[in-house]
Amino acid sequence: MSEIRLHASISNATVRQWAESGTEISPANLMYPVFVVENDDAVEEIPSMPGVKRYGASVLMEVLAPLVAKGLKSILIFGVVEQLPKDSTGSSADCGENPVIRVLPKIRSTFPNLLVACDVCLCPYTDHGHCGILRADGSVDNDPSVRRLAEIALAYAKAGAQVVAPSDMMDNRIKAIKDALKSHGLQETVSVLSYAVKFASGFYGPFRDAAKSAPAFGDRSCYQLPPGSRRLAARAAARDVAEGADMLMVKPGLAYLDLLRDTKNQFPNHPLFVYQVSGEYAMLHWAAEHGALDLRRALFEVLKSFRRSGADVIITYFTPLILNELQAGEN
């Protein structure tokens, strides 16, 4: 048997790039999640997510401008409210004073080439913090929840969202949203990005601080996927594709790389997103701050693992840092 030698295949930077085909990281592979609050001039720290802030609409324009100049292609907006009332149906989610509704026209006019997606969920706007409308016994009532989610998605689309992204995990909400968009002639201009494979995860804690959306009681295990559920994950993705989802998401990322690859193999023709969630962000940040690892090196290793596992787009709070590194040629 002849010798097999591989070092010549990794001997310089260009050859290494050829060997990593399909794992490149560019601005088009990134989506930046942002939190928008009611006070247009606000900048609010998030202690559990150092470097990530909540912004008012006016400040957000200033924050986005240099990122767009560095190549930022897309953002994902989350609304955070304190002054607007929270109630059992999340009525503030699509009212005229909602920060998402108000900021969308500003972003679209200021950055016409920036793709804007909006998270669609009830939990930031309900008094109970769950992702749907509840029955008297505290369980989620799926059908009225879906009707409400479709109303919210339509409101965001009419305000300027190019992508609506339902994160609630209710059954049949993709079809309801698609039908609502079609009824208003928006089915060809507004895409639906489904949080199709979303797990009941321990990595969400910092996000719930950031979005002020922690459930007032219980948890979300009855409508988010159990962490060991490969077959349920496949069924959830298939359900949403059958209902017309344009794009799919796996969330969280690092603990579910196998499900990311499974989903891509199952639906190779659908753009696949992975969400590097708040706990994953905090984990890398704090490890680097305490000298346990080199943040840039570890971050790009994780990003490439997402791409290698099938992700077309990575939703990450590290987007500003990554754009800086890409500009400096550190990919």
Protein backbone atom coordinates (compact mmCIF):
# COMPACT_ATOMS: atom_id res chain seq x y z
CA MET A 1 0.00 0.00 0.00
CA SER A 2 1.42 3.38 -0.96
CA GLU A 3 1.95 6.11 1.62
CA ILE A 4 -0.88 8.55 2.13
CA ARG A 5 0.36 12.04 2.95
CA LEU A 6 -1.94 14.97 3.60
CA HIS A 7 0.33 17.84 4.61
CA ALA A 8 0.64 19.03 1.01
CA SER A 9 -3.11 19.59 1.05
CA ILE A 10 -2.86 22.10 3.93
CA SER A 11 0.50 23.63 3.18
CA ASN A 12 -0.62 27.20 2.54
CA ALA A 13 -3.63 29.45 3.09
CA THR A 14 -5.13 29.11 -0.39
CA VAL A 15 -4.88 25.32 -0.42
CA ARG A 16 -6.47 25.23 3.05
CA GLN A 17 -9.36 27.32 1.77
CA TRP A 18 -9.90 24.83 -1.05
CA ALA A 19 -10.03 22.05 1.52
CA GLU A 20 -12.68 23.94 3.48
CA SER A 21 -15.02 24.53 0.56
CA GLY A 22 -18.53 25.09 1.82
CA THR A 23 -17.47 26.46 5.21
CA GLU A 24 -16.57 29.99 4.14
CA ILE A 25 -17.85 32.81 6.34
CA SER A 26 -18.96 35.98 4.56
CA PRO A 27 -21.38 38.79 5.48
CA ALA A 28 -24.07 36.98 3.47
CA ASN A 29 -23.80 34.06 5.91
CA LEU A 30 -24.66 36.26 8.91
CA MET A 31 -27.89 37.62 10.39
CA TYR A 32 -27.61 40.08 13.28
CA PRO A 33 -30.25 39.86 16.05
CA VAL A 34 -31.18 43.23 17.57
CA PHE A 35 -33.43 44.23 20.48
CA VAL A 36 -35.58 47.34 19.98
CA VAL A 37 -37.21 49.22 22.89
CA GLU A 38 -39.91 51.87 23.14
CA ASN A 39 -37.70 54.88 24.01
CA ASP A 40 -36.15 55.96 20.70
CA ASP A 41 -33.02 57.33 22.39
CA ALA A 42 -32.39 54.43 24.77
CA VAL A 43 -29.27 52.31 25.09
CA GLU A 44 -29.73 49.56 27.67
CA GLU A 45 -27.03 47.20 28.91
CA ILE A 46 -27.77 43.47 29.22
CA PRO A 47 -25.58 42.19 32.09
CA SER A 48 -25.77 38.53 31.08
CA MET A 49 -24.75 39.38 27.48
CA PRO A 50 -21.82 41.82 27.67
CA GLY A 51 -21.44 43.81 24.47
CA VAL A 52 -25.08 43.28 23.48
CA LYS A 53 -27.53 46.11 24.13
CA ARG A 54 -31.15 47.05 23.64
CA TYR A 55 -31.59 50.10 21.44
CA GLY A 56 -34.24 52.65 20.72
CA ALA A 57 -35.10 53.30 17.08
CA SER A 58 -32.96 56.43 16.65
CA VAL A 59 -29.89 54.89 18.26
CA LEU A 60 -30.32 51.69 16.26
CA MET A 61 -29.94 53.67 13.03
CA GLU A 62 -26.57 54.90 14.27
CA VAL A 63 -25.51 51.41 15.34
CA LEU A 64 -26.45 49.81 12.04
CA ALA A 65 -24.80 52.38 9.77
CA PRO A 66 -21.16 51.26 10.24
CA LEU A 67 -22.18 47.59 10.16
CA VAL A 68 -23.96 48.04 6.84
CA ALA A 69 -20.86 49.82 5.56
CA LYS A 70 -18.86 46.70 6.51
CA GLY A 71 -21.20 44.47 4.54
CA LEU A 72 -24.04 43.57 6.92
CA LYS A 73 -26.80 41.98 4.81
CA SER A 74 -29.61 41.09 7.23
CA ILE A 75 -30.96 41.64 10.74
CA LEU A 76 -33.53 39.93 12.96
CA ILE A 77 -35.59 42.29 15.13
CA PHE A 78 -36.99 41.51 18.58
CA GLY A 79 -39.32 43.97 20.27
CA VAL A 80 -39.00 44.64 24.01
CA VAL A 81 -41.69 46.55 25.88
CA GLU A 82 -42.09 47.89 29.41
CA GLN A 83 -44.46 50.86 29.09
CA LEU A 84 -46.96 49.22 26.75
CA PRO A 85 -49.40 46.91 28.55
CA LYS A 86 -48.85 43.16 28.62
CA ASP A 87 -52.03 41.08 28.57
CA SER A 88 -53.30 37.58 27.88
CA THR A 89 -53.36 37.99 24.08
CA GLY A 90 -50.25 40.11 23.56
CA SER A 91 -52.22 43.05 22.19
CA SER A 92 -49.13 45.29 22.23
CA ALA A 93 -47.31 43.03 19.76
CA ASP A 94 -48.91 44.70 16.74
CA CYS A 95 -50.27 48.00 18.01
CA GLY A 96 -49.17 51.26 16.41
CA GLU A 97 -46.83 52.11 19.30
CA ASN A 98 -45.01 48.79 19.22
CA PRO A 99 -41.26 49.48 18.74
CA VAL A 100 -40.96 46.94 15.91
CA ILE A 101 -43.85 48.49 13.99
CA ARG A 102 -42.34 51.95 14.44
CA VAL A 103 -38.74 51.09 13.57
CA LEU A 104 -39.41 49.07 10.41
CA PRO A 105 -40.16 52.00 8.07
CA LYS A 106 -37.08 53.84 9.37
CA ILE A 107 -34.78 50.90 8.70
CA ARG A 108 -36.23 50.23 5.26
CA SER A 109 -35.85 53.86 4.17
CA THR A 110 -32.41 54.37 5.72
CA PHE A 111 -30.90 51.06 4.59
CA PRO A 112 -32.82 49.99 1.48
CA ASN A 113 -30.48 47.07 0.73
CA LEU A 114 -30.58 45.63 4.25
CA LEU A 115 -32.90 42.62 4.56
CA VAL A 116 -35.09 42.94 7.66
CA ALA A 117 -36.59 39.93 9.43
CA CYS A 118 -38.88 40.14 12.46
CA ASP A 119 -39.31 37.56 15.17
CA VAL A 120 -43.00 36.70 15.59
CA CYS A 121 -44.01 35.50 19.04
CA LEU A 122 -46.34 36.40 21.88
CA CYS A 123 -44.06 35.81 24.87
CA PRO A 124 -42.55 39.36 25.08
CA TYR A 125 -46.05 40.86 25.06
CA THR A 126 -48.12 38.54 27.27
CA ASP A 127 -48.56 38.93 31.01
CA HIS A 128 -47.78 35.23 31.48
CA GLY A 129 -44.68 35.10 29.25
CA HIS A 130 -45.73 32.07 27.24
CA CYS A 131 -45.68 31.84 23.45
CA GLY A 132 -49.43 31.43 22.95
CA ILE A 133 -52.86 32.14 24.37
CA LEU A 134 -53.61 30.05 27.46
CA ARG A 135 -56.60 28.04 28.57
CA ALA A 136 -57.96 28.37 32.10
CA ASP A 137 -55.75 25.51 33.27
CA GLY A 138 -52.60 27.26 32.01
CA SER A 139 -52.03 25.08 28.94
CA VAL A 140 -51.54 26.65 25.51
CA ASP A 141 -54.61 26.84 23.28
CA ASN A 142 -53.05 26.25 19.86
CA ASP A 143 -55.72 27.46 17.40
CA PRO A 144 -56.42 30.94 18.83
CA SER A 145 -52.67 31.32 19.35
CA VAL A 146 -52.08 30.65 15.67
CA ARG A 147 -54.71 33.17 14.61
CA ARG A 148 -53.05 35.79 16.81
CA LEU A 149 -49.59 35.00 15.46
CA ALA A 150 -50.84 35.40 11.90
CA GLU A 151 -52.21 38.84 12.79
CA ILE A 152 -48.86 39.90 14.23
CA ALA A 153 -46.88 38.55 11.27
CA LEU A 154 -49.16 40.40 8.87
CA ALA A 155 -48.75 43.66 10.81
CA TYR A 156 -44.95 43.37 10.62
CA ALA A 157 -45.11 42.58 6.92
CA LYS A 158 -47.32 45.60 6.25
CA ALA A 159 -44.91 47.79 8.24
CA GLY A 160 -41.98 46.72 6.05
CA ALA A 161 -40.60 43.36 7.20
CA GLN A 162 -39.28 41.30 4.31
CA VAL A 163 -39.11 38.15 6.41
CA VAL A 164 -41.38 37.09 9.26
CA ALA A 165 -39.96 34.47 11.59
CA PRO A 166 -42.42 32.68 13.90
CA SER A 167 -40.53 31.33 16.94
CA ASP A 168 -43.50 30.07 18.97
CA MET A 169 -43.55 26.41 17.84
CA MET A 170 -47.33 26.27 17.57
CA ASP A 171 -48.79 23.70 15.19
CA ASN A 172 -49.92 25.01 11.78
CA ARG A 173 -48.83 28.60 12.25
CA ILE A 174 -46.86 28.59 9.00
CA LYS A 175 -49.97 27.94 6.94
CA ALA A 176 -51.94 30.56 8.86
CA ILE A 177 -49.23 33.17 8.28
CA LYS A 178 -48.92 32.24 4.61
CA ASP A 179 -52.69 32.56 4.20
CA ALA A 180 -52.69 35.96 5.91
CA LEU A 181 -49.90 37.24 3.66
CA LYS A 182 -51.72 35.94 0.58
CA SER A 183 -54.97 37.61 1.61
CA HIS A 184 -53.16 40.97 1.49
CA GLY A 185 -51.12 40.36 -1.67
CA LEU A 186 -47.84 39.96 0.23
CA GLN A 187 -47.17 36.29 -0.47
CA GLU A 188 -44.61 37.04 -3.19
CA THR A 189 -42.65 39.74 -1.37
CA VAL A 190 -42.54 38.51 2.26
CA SER A 191 -40.79 35.26 3.18
CA VAL A 192 -41.48 33.01 6.16
CA LEU A 193 -38.46 31.79 8.11
CA SER A 194 -39.67 29.05 10.42
CA TYR A 195 -38.06 28.25 13.74
CA ALA A 196 -38.82 24.71 12.66
CA VAL A 197 -36.41 22.76 14.86
CA LYS A 198 -36.38 24.66 18.16
CA PHE A 199 -35.52 22.87 21.37
CA ALA A 200 -36.49 23.45 25.00
CA SER A 201 -32.96 24.45 25.90
CA GLY A 202 -30.93 25.55 28.88
CA PHE A 203 -29.05 27.98 26.61
CA TYR A 204 -31.83 30.60 26.44
CA GLY A 205 -31.41 32.25 29.84
CA PRO A 206 -29.63 35.47 28.81
CA PHE A 207 -32.10 36.04 25.95
CA ARG A 208 -35.03 35.97 28.35
CA ASP A 209 -33.29 38.72 30.32
CA ALA A 210 -32.66 40.66 27.13
CA ALA A 211 -36.21 40.34 25.78
CA LYS A 212 -37.86 40.41 29.23
CA SER A 213 -39.82 37.35 28.16
CA ALA A 214 -39.30 34.73 30.84
CA PRO A 215 -42.46 32.71 31.54
CA ALA A 216 -44.25 33.72 34.74
CA PHE A 217 -44.82 30.05 35.59
CA GLY A 218 -43.86 26.64 34.27
CA ASP A 219 -41.70 26.28 31.18
CA ARG A 220 -42.04 25.80 27.42
CA SER A 221 -41.34 22.09 27.24
CA CYS A 222 -44.85 21.28 26.02
CA TYR A 223 -44.39 23.17 22.76
CA GLN A 224 -40.64 23.28 22.22
CA LEU A 225 -38.82 20.07 21.26
CA PRO A 226 -37.20 17.82 23.87
CA PRO A 227 -33.40 17.89 23.46
CA GLY A 228 -33.08 14.22 22.51
CA SER A 229 -35.79 14.22 19.86
CA ARG A 230 -34.24 13.47 16.46
CA ARG A 231 -37.48 12.05 15.03
CA LEU A 232 -39.68 14.86 16.34
CA ALA A 233 -37.22 17.35 14.86
CA ALA A 234 -37.63 15.72 11.45
CA ARG A 235 -41.42 15.78 11.80
CA ALA A 236 -41.42 19.45 12.84
CA ALA A 237 -39.34 20.46 9.83
CA ALA A 238 -41.52 18.37 7.50
CA ARG A 239 -44.69 19.94 8.91
CA ASP A 240 -43.45 23.47 8.29
CA VAL A 241 -42.17 22.70 4.79
CA ALA A 242 -45.53 21.14 3.92
CA GLU A 243 -47.25 24.33 5.10
CA GLY A 244 -45.07 26.51 2.88
CA ALA A 245 -42.09 27.67 4.95
CA ASP A 246 -39.58 29.39 2.70
CA MET A 247 -36.61 28.88 5.06
CA LEU A 248 -35.91 26.72 8.10
CA MET A 249 -34.02 27.22 11.34
CA VAL A 250 -32.37 25.00 13.93
CA LYS A 251 -32.04 26.51 17.42
CA PRO A 252 -29.76 26.34 19.43
CA GLY A 253 -26.69 25.59 17.39
CA LEU A 254 -23.65 24.00 18.99
CA ALA A 255 -25.46 21.25 20.93
CA TYR A 256 -27.52 20.32 17.83
CA LEU A 257 -25.04 20.06 14.99
CA ASP A 258 -26.29 16.56 14.18
CA LEU A 259 -29.85 17.88 13.82
CA LEU A 260 -28.55 20.72 11.69
CA ARG A 261 -27.01 18.22 9.29
CA ASP A 262 -30.11 16.00 9.42
CA THR A 263 -32.35 18.94 8.53
CA LYS A 264 -30.14 20.01 5.64
CA ASN A 265 -30.08 16.45 4.31
CA GLN A 266 -33.85 16.23 4.71
CA PHE A 267 -34.51 19.52 2.90
CA PRO A 268 -31.42 20.39 0.84
CA ASN A 269 -33.28 22.94 -1.29
CA HIS A 270 -34.44 25.13 1.61
CA PRO A 271 -32.08 27.79 2.99
CA LEU A 272 -31.13 26.63 6.48
CA PHE A 273 -30.46 28.98 9.38
CA VAL A 274 -28.85 28.19 12.71
CA TYR A 275 -29.22 30.42 15.78
CA GLN A 276 -26.12 30.77 17.93
CA VAL A 277 -28.24 31.62 20.95
CA SER A 278 -27.62 33.87 23.93
CA GLY A 279 -26.17 31.16 26.16
CA GLU A 280 -23.73 30.13 23.44
CA TYR A 281 -22.69 33.76 23.04
CA ALA A 282 -22.24 34.21 26.79
CA MET A 283 -20.33 30.94 27.12
CA LEU A 284 -17.71 31.95 24.55
CA HIS A 285 -17.55 35.53 25.81
CA TRP A 286 -16.99 34.63 29.46
CA ALA A 287 -14.54 31.83 28.63
CA ALA A 288 -12.46 34.25 26.59
CA GLU A 289 -12.67 36.99 29.21
CA HIS A 290 -11.30 34.56 31.81
CA GLY A 291 -8.46 33.43 29.58
CA ALA A 292 -9.80 29.96 28.83
CA LEU A 293 -9.67 30.42 25.06
CA ASP A 294 -8.88 32.82 22.27
CA LEU A 295 -12.25 34.29 21.28
CA ARG A 296 -11.53 34.90 17.60
CA ARG A 297 -10.04 31.49 17.00
CA ALA A 298 -12.77 29.62 18.91
CA LEU A 299 -15.55 31.69 17.37
CA PHE A 300 -14.51 31.03 13.79
CA GLU A 301 -14.08 27.34 14.61
CA VAL A 302 -17.69 27.24 15.84
CA LEU A 303 -18.93 29.23 12.84
CA LYS A 304 -17.27 26.80 10.47
CA SER A 305 -18.83 23.89 12.35
CA PHE A 306 -22.24 25.43 11.66
CA ARG A 307 -21.43 25.83 7.97
CA ARG A 308 -19.92 22.34 7.75
CA SER A 309 -23.09 20.91 9.32
CA GLY A 310 -25.30 22.52 6.68
CA ALA A 311 -26.13 26.05 7.81
CA ASP A 312 -26.45 28.64 5.06
CA VAL A 313 -26.98 31.53 7.48
CA ILE A 314 -25.82 31.95 11.09
CA ILE A 315 -27.82 34.18 13.41
CA THR A 316 -25.27 35.48 15.90
CA TYR A 317 -24.73 38.30 18.38
CA PHE A 318 -21.07 38.18 17.40
CA THR A 319 -21.91 39.66 13.98
CA PRO A 320 -20.20 43.06 14.60
CA LEU A 321 -17.01 41.30 15.72
CA ILE A 322 -17.14 38.88 12.78
CA LEU A 323 -17.59 41.72 10.29
CA ASN A 324 -14.54 43.44 11.75
CA GLU A 325 -12.51 40.24 11.45
CA LEU A 326 -13.64 39.63 7.90
CA GLN A 327 -12.70 43.17 6.96
CA ALA A 328 -9.28 42.60 8.49
CA GLY A 329 -8.91 39.36 6.54
CA GLU A 330 -9.02 37.07 9.58
CA ASN A 331 -11.45 34.46 8.20
